C-alpha cells in the first residue's frame, strides 16, 4: 500500500522516517543530554517530582468589558477550580491610552478589560486576596504601569510585597516582531524592562518580572523551531541589557519566565518544550556564566494555540485544545491556559470557559499522565526530535548573533521575514490540501450550527468614560501634576522609574497620563514598512 503522501515532516520541516530506531537516530548521553528531572540541563523538567508534588497552575485567560464584569468572571473561575488568574487587557490599556482618548473609541473593553487607574484595578481584584492567588498579566508596553497598579492594590489590601506572586509579560521585543502593541522605541522600552528587573529583585522577590513570549511568534505563523529560537534570542537580548545596566545575572535570572504556544503536532510539541529547556540551561551556564541553578531553569506558561481554532464546527476546537494541552503537560509546563471552543467567534462565554478549564482538570486527575515525570523520555522519536529542534534553534541564534543581535535582526526585518515565509508556506499547504484542517478544507458541513457568542455592550465605553471623568474630578490635581513631573524628569535620567510609576499609580494617575509623560521624553516607535 502506498503512503498517504510523498513526504512526512513536522512544522519545522524535519522529515519523519517511517519509524525512529537506533539506526536513524543520533546517540544521546543520559547524563549530559537528559539527566534526572530537576537536574541540569533540565531536559526532563525543572523539578524532581514535577506533578507528583503539585499540578501545574491552571489559569484561564480572562478579561472583558468593565472591571466589575471581569471580577465576577475571576470569582467564578476560582470557584470552579482555577488555581491562578490570567488577565486580558483591552487594546487602549495595552498601548497606553485612557478610555476617553479619541483613539480608544470603539475599542474600550473589547478584547480585554479596560483599566484606566487604580480605581479600576481595585474593582478588578475586589474580594480576591493578592497573597493567596497567583496572577499573570498579559501586558507589554505598559507592563511597568500595570504592575505598579497591581502592587498598589496589594498595599491597599495590607499585603506585603514579598507575598505577592505572579508574572507580568513585559516582553516588548516580540511586539516589534509579531504583535504590534508597542509605544516607545526599543532602547527606552528595554530600559523599562531592566528597571522592572531591578525593582522586582529588591521589592517583589516572588514576582516573575518578565514572561518572554514565543506564543505570539507562533501565532504569527512561525514553526516550532523558530518559536524556540526567536524566543530565546529575545531572552538573550534582555539578559544582555540587564547586565549592561549593572545587574548580576544570578540576581534576576531566577525570576525570568517564558510563555510558549502549544500546537496540534503532539510529538513535535513535547520535543519543543524539552529542547527549549535544555538549550536555555546551556545558554545561561555557558554564555552568561550563571551559577545559580534557578537561573538555568526555563520555567514556562503555556497557552493552547488560538490560531488553530476554527469558526467552522467550533465544538471540534475542544479536541484540538485537548491535544495541545496534553502536549504542554507531557512537555513539563508550569502553568497552562486552555482556549475556549468559541474564541474564533468572540470572547469566551462562561460555559465555554468552564469546558476549557474542565479539559485541564480531566488531564490532571483522570489521564494518568501527571503521575510520572517526563513519561516519553527515551522514546526514539521524542529524543531525536528534541535534538533536531535544539540544533535548528541554535542555527537561528547563530544567524541572529552574526547580524549583530536580536535588536539589529528586528531592524533588518530578518525575524519578521522568516515568520512571514513560514506562515505563507503553511497557508499554501492548506490551500493545496497538503495540510488538513478538519471542517475547513476537509470534512466540511453545509449547515452552520448556532453558537452563543459573548457580546460587549457599547454602553460600557460610555460608562467607563463617565467613571474616568468622576475620578479626574475628585483626585488631587496638584499631586497628580507633581507625580507626572517627577516621572518625566526621571525618564530623562538613568534613575529607576518604577518607584515614580508606583507613586503615580497610588495617587490615581491614569495609565494614559503615565504613558504620555514618557511619550514626551522618549517619543513613539514608527515601524519601517518593508515592501
Protein backbone atom coordinates (compact mmCIF):
# COMPACT_ATOMS: atom_id res chain seq x y z
CA UNK A 1 0.00 0.00 0.00
CA UNK A 2 1.38 3.44 -0.93
CA UNK A 3 1.92 6.11 1.71
CA UNK A 4 -0.77 8.75 2.10
CA UNK A 5 1.65 11.38 0.82
CA UNK A 6 5.15 11.58 -0.59
CA UNK A 7 6.78 13.25 2.38
CA UNK A 8 6.02 13.36 6.11
CA UNK A 9 7.52 16.22 8.11
CA UNK A 10 6.90 18.42 11.16
CA UNK A 11 6.05 22.14 11.16
CA UNK A 12 9.80 22.82 11.31
CA UNK A 13 10.34 20.78 8.11
CA UNK A 14 12.02 17.95 10.00
CA UNK A 15 11.49 14.90 7.80
CA UNK A 16 9.99 11.91 9.59
CA UNK A 17 11.16 8.38 8.78
CA UNK A 18 8.72 5.51 8.67
CA UNK A 19 9.81 4.75 12.24
CA UNK A 20 12.51 6.02 14.59
CA UNK A 21 15.05 3.39 15.64
CA UNK A 22 18.69 3.05 16.76
CA UNK A 23 19.87 3.13 13.14
CA UNK A 24 18.38 6.52 12.20
CA UNK A 25 18.67 8.49 15.46
CA UNK A 26 21.64 10.27 17.00
CA UNK A 27 23.11 8.69 20.11
CA UNK A 28 22.38 10.53 23.35
CA UNK A 29 24.10 10.59 26.70
CA UNK A 30 21.66 10.16 29.57
CA UNK A 31 23.87 12.17 31.93
CA UNK A 32 24.72 15.03 29.54
CA UNK A 33 21.61 15.28 27.36
CA UNK A 34 18.80 14.18 29.71
CA UNK A 35 19.79 13.59 33.33
CA UNK A 36 17.26 13.24 36.11
CA UNK A 37 14.30 15.61 36.34
CA UNK A 38 15.30 18.71 38.29
CA UNK A 39 18.96 18.41 37.26
CA UNK A 40 20.99 20.25 34.60
CA UNK A 41 20.26 20.52 31.67
CA UNK A 42 16.62 20.16 32.83
CA UNK A 43 15.52 18.40 29.64
CA UNK A 44 13.22 16.22 31.72
CA UNK A 45 11.74 19.02 33.85
CA UNK A 46 12.67 21.73 36.34
CA UNK A 47 11.52 19.82 39.43
CA UNK A 48 12.46 16.32 40.51
CA UNK A 49 8.89 15.23 41.23
CA UNK A 50 7.09 17.60 38.81
CA UNK A 51 3.31 16.98 39.01
CA UNK A 52 3.60 14.25 41.65
CA UNK A 53 4.29 17.13 44.04
CA UNK A 54 1.69 19.55 42.68
CA UNK A 55 -0.11 20.10 39.40
CA UNK A 56 0.70 22.92 37.05
CA UNK A 57 -1.10 26.19 37.77
CA UNK A 58 -4.43 26.08 35.94
CA UNK A 59 -5.12 29.52 34.53
CA UNK A 60 -7.87 30.84 32.30
CA UNK A 61 -7.00 33.99 30.34
CA UNK A 62 -9.95 36.28 31.03
CA UNK A 63 -10.89 39.91 30.94
CA UNK A 64 -13.59 41.84 29.13
CA UNK A 65 -15.78 44.92 29.38
CA UNK A 66 -15.52 46.56 32.81
CA UNK A 67 -13.53 45.72 35.91
CA UNK A 68 -16.78 44.68 37.64
CA UNK A 69 -17.68 42.12 34.98
CA UNK A 70 -14.16 40.71 34.83
CA UNK A 71 -14.04 40.48 38.62
CA UNK A 72 -17.22 38.38 38.53
CA UNK A 73 -15.66 36.07 35.89
CA UNK A 74 -12.50 35.67 38.01
CA UNK A 75 -14.50 34.73 41.08
CA UNK A 76 -16.48 32.24 39.01
CA UNK A 77 -13.32 30.65 37.60
CA UNK A 78 -11.76 30.43 41.08
CA UNK A 79 -14.92 28.75 42.37
CA UNK A 80 -14.64 26.20 39.54
CA UNK A 81 -11.07 25.20 40.38
CA UNK A 82 -8.84 27.69 38.58
CA UNK A 83 -5.64 28.00 40.62
CA UNK A 84 -4.30 31.21 39.06
CA UNK A 85 -5.67 34.25 37.28
CA UNK A 86 -4.58 35.45 33.85
CA UNK A 87 -5.67 38.97 32.99
CA UNK A 88 -6.51 40.14 29.46
CA UNK A 89 -6.45 43.92 28.99
CA UNK A 90 -8.24 45.85 26.28
CA UNK A 91 -6.30 47.39 23.40
CA UNK A 92 -6.28 51.00 24.74
CA UNK A 93 -4.80 49.80 28.04
CA UNK A 94 -2.16 47.80 26.14
CA UNK A 95 -0.97 50.85 24.18
CA UNK A 96 -1.24 53.42 26.95
CA UNK A 97 -4.49 55.18 26.05
CA UNK A 98 -7.19 56.12 28.54
CA UNK A 99 -10.75 55.12 27.73
CA UNK A 100 -11.67 58.73 26.97
CA UNK A 101 -8.86 59.18 24.45
CA UNK A 102 -10.31 59.74 20.94
CA UNK A 103 -8.02 56.98 19.61
CA UNK A 104 -9.62 54.50 22.03
CA UNK A 105 -13.09 54.92 20.53
CA UNK A 106 -14.74 51.61 19.72
CA UNK A 107 -12.09 49.50 21.46
CA UNK A 108 -12.88 50.01 25.15
CA UNK A 109 -13.43 46.67 26.90
CA UNK A 110 -13.48 44.72 23.63
CA UNK A 111 -10.52 42.32 23.70
CA UNK A 112 -9.95 42.56 27.41
CA UNK A 113 -10.79 44.60 30.48
CA UNK A 114 -10.46 48.39 30.45
CA UNK A 115 -8.08 49.58 33.18
CA UNK A 116 -7.52 53.32 33.42
CA UNK A 117 -6.40 53.78 37.01
CA UNK A 118 -6.07 52.32 40.49
CA UNK A 119 -9.81 52.85 40.80
CA UNK A 120 -10.38 50.17 38.13
CA UNK A 121 -7.66 47.86 39.46
CA UNK A 122 -9.19 47.90 42.95
CA UNK A 123 -12.51 46.87 41.45
CA UNK A 124 -10.88 44.18 39.29
CA UNK A 125 -9.43 42.43 42.35
CA UNK A 126 -12.17 43.25 44.85
CA UNK A 127 -12.57 40.31 47.21
CA UNK A 128 -9.55 38.50 45.75
CA UNK A 129 -6.68 38.46 48.30
CA UNK A 130 -3.42 39.01 46.42
CA UNK A 131 -1.38 37.00 48.92
CA UNK A 132 -3.46 33.90 48.11
CA UNK A 133 -3.67 33.96 44.31
CA UNK A 134 -1.05 34.00 41.56
CA UNK A 135 -1.81 36.48 38.78
CA UNK A 136 -0.39 36.59 35.27
CA UNK A 137 -0.89 39.81 33.32
CA UNK A 138 -0.59 39.84 29.53
CA UNK A 139 0.71 43.37 29.06
CA UNK A 140 3.88 44.67 27.46
CA UNK A 141 4.36 48.33 26.54
CA UNK A 142 2.55 49.42 29.73
CA UNK A 143 3.74 46.46 31.81
CA UNK A 144 5.57 48.55 34.40
CA UNK A 145 2.47 50.70 34.93
CA UNK A 146 0.06 47.77 35.28
CA UNK A 147 2.46 46.00 37.65
CA UNK A 148 2.58 49.14 39.80
CA UNK A 149 -1.22 49.34 39.80
CA UNK A 150 -1.33 45.70 40.96
CA UNK A 151 1.20 46.42 43.71
CA UNK A 152 -0.84 49.45 44.77
CA UNK A 153 -3.86 47.14 45.19
CA UNK A 154 -1.72 44.78 47.31
CA UNK A 155 -0.70 47.69 49.52
CA UNK A 156 -4.36 48.73 49.89
CA UNK A 157 -5.07 45.14 50.99
CA UNK A 158 -2.19 45.38 53.51
CA UNK A 159 -0.40 42.58 51.67
CA UNK A 160 3.39 42.73 51.97
CA UNK A 161 5.01 42.95 48.53
CA UNK A 162 7.19 39.93 49.27
CA UNK A 163 3.97 37.90 49.47
CA UNK A 164 2.79 38.96 46.01
CA UNK A 165 3.16 36.19 43.44
CA UNK A 166 2.67 36.23 39.68
CA UNK A 167 4.03 37.31 36.32
CA UNK A 168 3.89 40.32 34.06
CA UNK A 169 4.53 39.55 30.38
CA UNK A 170 6.70 42.64 29.80
CA UNK A 171 8.19 41.25 26.55
CA UNK A 172 8.42 44.19 24.18
CA UNK A 173 10.71 42.69 21.52
CA UNK A 174 8.08 40.26 20.29
CA UNK A 175 5.75 43.25 19.84
CA UNK A 176 8.11 44.64 17.21
CA UNK A 177 8.32 41.15 15.66
CA UNK A 178 4.82 39.75 15.73
CA UNK A 179 2.13 41.70 17.53
CA UNK A 180 2.43 45.48 17.25
CA UNK A 181 1.29 46.82 20.63
CA UNK A 182 4.44 48.86 21.25
CA UNK A 183 4.62 52.51 22.26
CA UNK A 184 8.22 53.65 22.64
CA UNK A 185 11.37 52.97 20.60
CA UNK A 186 13.29 49.79 21.51
CA UNK A 187 16.02 51.40 23.65
CA UNK A 188 13.76 53.10 26.24
CA UNK A 189 11.45 50.10 26.12
CA UNK A 190 14.37 47.88 27.15
CA UNK A 191 15.20 50.40 29.89
CA UNK A 192 11.68 49.97 31.34
CA UNK A 193 12.21 46.21 31.36
CA UNK A 194 15.57 46.32 33.13
CA UNK A 195 14.16 48.85 35.63
CA UNK A 196 11.41 46.32 36.35
CA UNK A 197 14.01 43.55 36.81
CA UNK A 198 15.93 45.64 39.33
CA UNK A 199 12.84 46.83 41.22
CA UNK A 200 11.29 43.37 41.49
CA UNK A 201 14.57 41.76 42.59
CA UNK A 202 14.66 44.16 45.53
CA UNK A 203 10.99 44.81 46.35
CA UNK A 204 8.88 41.95 44.91
CA UNK A 205 11.15 38.89 45.10
CA UNK A 206 8.46 36.31 44.28
CA UNK A 207 7.26 38.11 41.15
CA UNK A 208 8.33 37.00 37.66
CA UNK A 209 9.39 40.31 36.14
CA UNK A 210 9.10 39.10 32.55
CA UNK A 211 7.44 36.30 30.61
CA UNK A 212 9.41 36.02 27.39
CA UNK A 213 6.83 35.08 24.84
CA UNK A 214 7.08 32.67 21.96
CA UNK A 215 3.30 32.41 21.96
CA UNK A 216 2.67 35.39 19.68
CA UNK A 217 5.61 34.47 17.45
CA UNK A 218 3.92 31.11 16.82
CA UNK A 219 0.51 32.73 16.39
CA UNK A 220 2.04 34.92 13.67
CA UNK A 221 2.94 31.77 11.74
CA UNK A 222 6.36 30.58 12.90
CA UNK A 223 7.45 26.97 13.04
CA UNK A 224 8.22 25.18 16.32
CA UNK A 225 11.97 25.60 15.77
CA UNK A 226 11.54 29.32 15.07
CA UNK A 227 9.41 29.68 18.19
CA UNK A 228 12.25 28.29 20.31
CA UNK A 229 14.97 30.27 18.53
CA UNK A 230 13.33 33.68 18.41
CA UNK A 231 12.03 33.44 21.97
CA UNK A 232 15.44 32.53 23.37
CA UNK A 233 17.13 35.17 21.18
CA UNK A 234 14.78 37.75 22.74
CA UNK A 235 15.73 36.40 26.16
CA UNK A 236 19.44 36.72 25.36
CA UNK A 237 18.83 40.36 24.45
CA UNK A 238 17.07 41.02 27.76
CA UNK A 239 19.83 39.34 29.77
CA UNK A 240 22.48 41.35 27.94
CA UNK A 241 20.55 44.58 28.55
CA UNK A 242 20.18 43.81 32.26
CA UNK A 243 23.89 43.00 32.63
CA UNK A 244 24.77 46.23 30.76
CA UNK A 245 22.55 48.09 33.24
CA UNK A 246 24.70 46.76 36.09
CA UNK A 247 22.62 43.78 37.26
CA UNK A 248 24.25 40.45 38.10
CA UNK A 249 22.81 37.55 36.10
CA UNK A 250 22.02 35.49 39.20
CA UNK A 251 20.18 38.42 40.80
CA UNK A 252 17.46 38.48 38.15
CA UNK A 253 17.95 35.17 36.29
CA UNK A 254 15.88 33.04 38.70
CA UNK A 255 12.79 35.20 38.07
CA UNK A 256 12.86 35.07 34.27
CA UNK A 257 9.95 33.08 32.91
CA UNK A 258 8.73 32.09 29.46
CA UNK A 259 5.45 31.75 27.59
CA UNK A 260 5.03 29.18 24.82
CA UNK A 261 2.35 28.10 22.39
CA UNK A 262 1.16 24.52 22.10
CA UNK A 263 0.05 23.32 18.66
CA UNK A 264 -1.52 20.17 17.28
CA UNK A 265 1.54 18.07 16.42
CA UNK A 266 1.71 16.23 19.72
CA UNK A 267 5.18 14.67 19.42
CA UNK A 268 6.86 17.76 17.97
CA UNK A 269 5.35 19.97 20.67
CA UNK A 270 6.52 17.69 23.50
CA UNK A 271 10.01 17.72 21.98
CA UNK A 272 9.88 21.51 21.54
CA UNK A 273 9.39 22.16 25.25
CA UNK A 274 12.19 19.75 26.17
CA UNK A 275 14.55 21.29 23.59
CA UNK A 276 13.85 24.83 24.78
CA UNK A 277 14.53 23.85 28.38
CA UNK A 278 17.84 22.18 27.53
CA UNK A 279 19.04 24.97 25.25
CA UNK A 280 18.23 27.74 27.75
CA UNK A 281 20.11 25.91 30.52
CA UNK A 282 23.19 25.75 28.29
CA UNK A 283 22.87 29.43 27.27
CA UNK A 284 22.66 30.65 30.85
CA UNK A 285 25.53 28.44 32.03
CA UNK A 286 27.92 28.73 29.09
CA UNK A 287 27.15 32.15 27.61
CA UNK A 288 26.26 34.12 30.74
CA UNK A 289 28.15 32.06 33.34
CA UNK A 290 25.18 31.78 35.70
CA UNK A 291 25.99 29.90 38.90
CA UNK A 292 22.54 29.72 40.48
CA UNK A 293 20.72 26.60 39.27
CA UNK A 294 17.43 28.52 39.24
CA UNK A 295 18.88 30.93 36.69
CA UNK A 296 19.33 27.99 34.32
CA UNK A 297 15.80 26.59 34.72
CA UNK A 298 13.42 27.51 31.92
CA UNK A 299 10.08 27.84 33.69
CA UNK A 300 7.17 28.45 31.35
CA UNK A 301 3.47 29.08 30.98
CA UNK A 302 1.69 27.53 28.01
CA UNK A 303 -1.42 28.59 26.14
CA UNK A 304 -3.08 26.38 23.58
CA UNK A 305 -2.97 27.66 20.01
CA UNK A 306 -5.62 30.27 19.26
CA UNK A 307 -4.61 30.36 15.60
CA UNK A 308 -5.67 26.71 15.17
CA UNK A 309 -9.24 27.33 16.32
CA UNK A 310 -11.89 27.41 13.63
CA UNK A 311 -15.18 29.24 13.32
CA UNK A 312 -16.47 26.22 11.41
CA UNK A 313 -17.66 23.36 13.64
CA UNK A 314 -16.39 25.12 16.80
CA UNK A 315 -17.05 22.09 19.03
CA UNK A 316 -14.14 20.38 17.26
CA UNK A 317 -11.91 23.01 18.89
CA UNK A 318 -12.36 21.13 22.18
CA UNK A 319 -10.49 18.20 20.60
CA UNK A 320 -7.70 20.44 19.30
CA UNK A 321 -7.32 22.13 22.67
CA UNK A 322 -7.17 18.78 24.47
CA UNK A 323 -4.31 17.54 22.26
CA UNK A 324 -2.45 20.82 22.72
CA UNK A 325 -2.94 20.85 26.50
CA UNK A 326 -1.78 17.25 26.70
CA UNK A 327 1.41 18.17 24.80
CA UNK A 328 2.09 21.01 27.24
CA UNK A 329 1.69 18.73 30.25
CA UNK A 330 3.82 15.96 28.73
CA UNK A 331 6.38 18.69 27.91
CA UNK A 332 6.55 19.82 31.54
CA UNK A 333 4.76 23.18 31.68
CA UNK A 334 4.49 25.07 34.99
CA UNK A 335 1.26 26.82 34.10
CA UNK A 336 -1.42 26.29 31.46
CA UNK A 337 -4.30 28.14 29.83
CA UNK A 338 -6.72 26.23 27.63
CA UNK A 339 -8.53 28.23 24.96
CA UNK A 340 -12.30 28.06 24.78
CA UNK A 341 -14.04 26.49 21.80
CA UNK A 342 -15.79 29.73 20.81
CA UNK A 343 -12.74 32.01 20.63
CA UNK A 344 -12.68 32.07 16.82
CA UNK A 345 -16.06 33.81 17.10
CA UNK A 346 -15.63 36.11 20.11
CA UNK A 347 -14.62 36.35 23.74
CA UNK A 348 -15.38 33.13 25.67
CA UNK A 349 -18.80 32.62 27.20
CA UNK A 350 -18.92 31.34 30.77
CA UNK A 351 -19.99 27.90 29.52
CA UNK A 352 -17.10 27.65 27.04
CA UNK A 353 -14.58 28.83 29.65
CA UNK A 354 -15.79 26.13 32.05
CA UNK A 355 -15.35 23.38 29.42
CA UNK A 356 -11.82 24.68 28.74
CA UNK A 357 -10.97 24.52 32.43
CA UNK A 358 -12.51 21.05 32.76
CA UNK A 359 -10.17 19.92 29.95
CA UNK A 360 -7.18 20.66 32.16
CA UNK A 361 -8.79 19.02 35.16
CA UNK A 362 -9.51 15.79 33.26
CA UNK A 363 -5.89 15.65 32.08
CA UNK A 364 -4.70 16.27 35.64
CA UNK A 365 -6.99 13.96 37.56
CA UNK A 366 -8.07 11.27 35.10
CA UNK A 367 -5.49 10.71 32.35
CA UNK A 368 -2.60 9.43 34.48
CA UNK A 369 -0.01 11.41 32.51
CA UNK A 370 0.83 13.55 35.55
CA UNK A 371 1.67 10.53 37.71
CA UNK A 372 5.18 10.01 36.33
CA UNK A 373 7.74 12.59 35.25
CA UNK A 374 8.57 13.00 31.53
CA UNK A 375 6.94 9.70 30.54
CA UNK A 376 8.12 9.94 26.91
CA UNK A 377 11.81 10.14 27.87
CA UNK A 378 13.85 7.59 25.94
CA UNK A 379 11.39 7.42 23.06
CA UNK A 380 13.44 7.37 19.87
CA UNK A 381 11.00 9.79 18.23
CA UNK A 382 10.86 12.27 21.11
CA UNK A 383 14.61 12.28 21.78
CA UNK A 384 15.53 12.66 18.10
CA UNK A 385 13.05 15.50 17.58
CA UNK A 386 14.26 17.18 20.79
CA UNK A 387 17.83 17.12 19.45
CA UNK A 388 16.88 18.26 15.94
CA UNK A 389 14.73 21.13 17.20
CA UNK A 390 17.51 22.26 19.53
CA UNK A 391 20.02 22.16 16.68
CA UNK A 392 17.71 24.11 14.38
CA UNK A 393 17.20 26.75 17.08
CA UNK A 394 20.96 27.01 17.66
CA UNK A 395 21.48 27.69 13.95
CA UNK A 396 18.93 30.53 14.03
CA UNK A 397 20.51 32.05 17.14
CA UNK A 398 23.94 31.95 15.43
CA UNK A 399 22.49 33.80 12.42
CA UNK A 400 20.98 36.43 14.74
CA UNK A 401 24.31 36.82 16.59
CA UNK A 402 26.08 37.24 13.24
CA UNK A 403 23.63 40.01 12.31
CA UNK A 404 24.53 41.88 15.50
CA UNK A 405 21.95 40.56 17.94
CA UNK A 406 18.19 40.48 18.17
CA UNK A 407 17.59 44.23 18.05
CA UNK A 408 19.57 44.51 14.84
CA UNK A 409 17.90 41.41 13.39
CA UNK A 410 14.50 43.01 14.05
CA UNK A 411 15.62 46.30 12.47
CA UNK A 412 16.75 44.41 9.38
CA UNK A 413 13.45 42.54 9.20
CA UNK A 414 15.18 39.15 9.34
CA UNK A 415 12.98 37.65 12.04
CA UNK A 416 9.77 39.06 10.60
CA UNK A 417 10.61 37.73 7.12
CA UNK A 418 11.34 34.23 8.45
CA UNK A 419 7.98 34.12 10.23
CA UNK A 420 6.13 35.51 7.21
CA UNK A 421 7.65 32.88 4.94
CA UNK A 422 6.70 30.07 7.33
CA UNK A 423 3.14 31.41 7.56
CA UNK A 424 2.91 31.65 3.77
CA UNK A 425 4.20 28.11 3.31
CA UNK A 426 1.61 26.77 5.75
CA UNK A 427 -1.21 28.67 4.03
CA UNK A 428 -0.18 27.17 0.68
CA UNK A 429 -0.16 23.71 2.26
CA UNK A 430 -3.74 24.25 3.48
CA UNK A 431 -4.88 25.54 0.08
CA UNK A 432 -3.28 22.56 -1.69
CA UNK A 433 -4.73 20.11 0.85
CA UNK A 434 -1.25 19.07 1.93
CA UNK A 435 -2.23 20.20 5.44
CA UNK A 436 -5.73 19.19 6.52
CA UNK A 437 -7.81 21.38 8.81
CA UNK A 438 -10.88 19.40 9.81
CA UNK A 439 -14.06 21.29 8.96
CA UNK A 440 -12.22 23.88 6.85
CA UNK A 441 -10.63 22.15 3.84
CA UNK A 442 -11.96 18.67 4.53
CA UNK A 443 -14.95 17.11 6.32
CA UNK A 444 -16.99 20.25 5.91
CA UNK A 445 -20.66 20.56 6.74
CA UNK A 446 -23.08 22.75 4.88
CA UNK A 447 -25.18 23.67 7.90
CA UNK A 448 -23.81 26.25 10.31
CA UNK A 449 -24.68 25.37 13.88
CA UNK A 450 -25.67 28.35 16.04
CA UNK A 451 -23.12 29.07 18.79
CA UNK A 452 -23.75 31.53 21.64
CA UNK A 453 -21.32 34.45 21.34
CA UNK A 454 -20.42 36.91 24.09
CA UNK A 455 -21.39 40.45 23.06
CA UNK A 456 -19.84 43.56 24.61
CA UNK A 457 -22.43 46.29 25.15
CA UNK A 458 -21.41 49.60 23.53
CA UNK A 459 -22.72 51.36 26.66
CA UNK A 460 -19.67 50.06 28.51
CA UNK A 461 -17.45 52.63 26.79
CA UNK A 462 -19.74 55.48 27.85
CA UNK A 463 -19.83 54.18 31.44
CA UNK A 464 -16.04 53.83 31.55
CA UNK A 465 -15.59 57.38 30.30
CA UNK A 466 -18.01 58.66 32.93
CA UNK A 467 -16.15 56.74 35.63
CA UNK A 468 -12.89 58.28 34.45
CA UNK A 469 -14.33 61.80 34.43
CA UNK A 470 -15.55 61.32 38.02
CA UNK A 471 -12.09 60.15 39.05
CA UNK A 472 -10.39 63.16 37.48
CA UNK A 473 -12.80 65.47 39.31
CA UNK A 474 -12.24 64.04 42.80
CA UNK A 475 -8.50 63.32 42.87
CA UNK A 476 -5.86 65.84 43.98
CA UNK A 477 -4.81 67.64 40.81
CA UNK A 478 -1.64 69.04 42.40
CA UNK A 479 -0.43 65.61 43.49
CA UNK A 480 -1.12 64.24 40.01
CA UNK A 481 0.83 67.05 38.33
CA UNK A 482 3.73 66.60 40.76
CA UNK A 483 3.84 62.84 40.17
CA UNK A 484 3.91 63.29 36.39
CA UNK A 485 6.60 65.97 36.57
CA UNK A 486 8.84 63.73 38.71
CA UNK A 487 8.28 60.78 36.38
CA UNK A 488 9.14 62.78 33.27
CA UNK A 489 12.26 64.21 34.94
CA UNK A 490 13.43 60.74 35.97
CA UNK A 491 12.81 59.40 32.44
CA UNK A 492 15.39 61.88 31.16
CA UNK A 493 17.99 60.37 33.55
CA UNK A 494 19.09 56.80 34.30
CA UNK A 495 17.13 56.65 37.55
CA UNK A 496 14.90 53.60 38.09
CA UNK A 497 11.38 54.60 37.03
CA UNK A 498 9.37 52.02 38.97
CA UNK A 499 9.22 53.95 42.27
CA UNK A 500 7.95 57.00 40.36
CA UNK A 501 5.36 54.97 38.46
CA UNK A 502 4.22 53.31 41.69
CA UNK A 503 3.84 56.72 43.38
CA UNK A 504 1.79 57.95 40.42
CA UNK A 505 -0.36 54.81 40.43
CA UNK A 506 -1.09 55.10 44.15
CA UNK A 507 -2.26 58.67 43.58
CA UNK A 508 -4.72 57.74 40.83
CA UNK A 509 -2.67 59.00 37.89
CA UNK A 510 -4.06 57.18 34.85
CA UNK A 511 -2.38 54.71 32.52
CA UNK A 512 -2.70 57.18 29.65
CA UNK A 513 -1.22 60.07 31.66
CA UNK A 514 1.78 57.98 32.74
CA UNK A 515 2.30 56.77 29.16
CA UNK A 516 2.02 60.30 27.76
CA UNK A 517 4.61 61.59 30.24
CA UNK A 518 7.05 59.01 28.88
CA UNK A 519 6.00 59.66 25.26
CA UNK A 520 7.01 63.31 25.69
CA UNK A 521 10.52 62.28 26.69
CA UNK A 522 11.08 59.21 24.51
CA UNK A 523 8.76 59.66 21.53
CA UNK A 524 6.88 56.84 19.80
CA UNK A 525 8.21 54.00 17.67
CA UNK A 526 7.34 54.09 13.99
CA UNK A 527 7.77 50.81 12.15
CA UNK A 528 9.78 50.78 8.95
CA UNK A 529 7.43 49.22 6.42
CA UNK A 530 9.24 46.80 4.13
CA UNK A 531 7.77 46.39 0.65
